[in-house]
Amino acid sequence: MFSMLRSKMGFPGVIAVIALVFAMFGGAYAASNSGGGKATASAKGKRGPRGPRGATGPQGPAGPAGSQGAIGAKGEIGPTGAIGPTGAIGPDGSPWTAGGTLPLGQTETGTWGGEVPEAGALAWSISFSIPLAQALDETHVVAIHREESVNEHCDDGTGEAPGAANPEADPGYLCVFEGGQGTIVSIGRPSTTFVEAGADKTGAIVRTLTGALGFSFGTWAVTAP
């Protein structure tokens, strides 16, 4: 083959062809060994030492409140605790409370009477809501009849005039006023055998003659001595 090429191209032409072949072969070889012509990465540098930790930053703003959670299940009832010690005795209560007596100069009022099938003599009770400190004798119990003027001991001298609609009494007196029916015969102490005249600390008995229709009623006032 070389003789053919030499005869056609001459010796210099043959040399040129051989040089071209070697040049092409060398370029292909270099390309295959260079990873497709891409440049290789440089060697990775060595990691330096860790730097100091920076200062903590300021606290951020509070976030919005979350939704309310579901109500938890009711817990079991705990055991009963031990009884505590008895406290100190308190001061005496007001005399207006149960067990006390009507204070000096204070007045309480009420009503008495009722209805029966026919006219006759009857007895009606008067009960003091707050008892007196002492019983009253007959000189301190006054019956005020409808047609009579009010006794001086049954008028406190102030405000509306005394009467069945406005019973009044001086300190140490029980005044019993007749209403629209019945007549007061006597006022006595229910604690005594024969209902002696006067009034007990807790009340009195009013004896009356009822009216034609069987009514007896009225009002009363007592003021503590």
Foldseek 3Di string as FASTA:
>chain_A
DVVVCCVVPNDVVVVVVVVVVVVVVVVVVVCVVCVNPDHDDDDDDDDDDDDDDDDDDDDDDDDDDDDDDDDDDDDDDDDDDDDDDDDDDDDDDDLVDPPHAADAFDKDKWKWWDFDQFWFKDKIWDFDPGFAPWWAAQVQEEEAEPVDDDDPQFAPPDDDGDAQVHTGGGARHKYWHWDDWWDWDAKFDPVDDVRHGTYGRTTIMTMTTTHGRRITMTMMMHGHD
